[in-house]
Amino acid sequence: MSIIPKKEKVVGTIVELYTMGPETQTYANGKKAIFSYRIDDKVYNSTNRIYVPLASRLGDQLAIYYEVGNPSKVFRKLLQSASDTK
């Protein structure tokens, strides 16, 4: 049984964007972003990139989740273990 680290929700601001293909290509294209966010009066920048909608721009704010034991690691969705869904 694997243990899923605890995550908390926060609103983050996109500070860097990376497009996988040409910006004009909408089919099979994607964007990843690095976020800046504040936790307990400390500002963090994510160390990993996460997928965001193609329409996303620098400065946009999105709800993200950070790992409590490693607040620089972020996720777009909260994954639950099988035991959490019962």
Foldseek 3Di string as FASTA:
>chain_A
DDDDFDKDKFKWFFADKDKPDDLVDDPPIWMWTWTWTDDPNDIEIAPDTETDDSPDDGGDIDMWMAGPVGRNHIGRDDDDDPVVVD
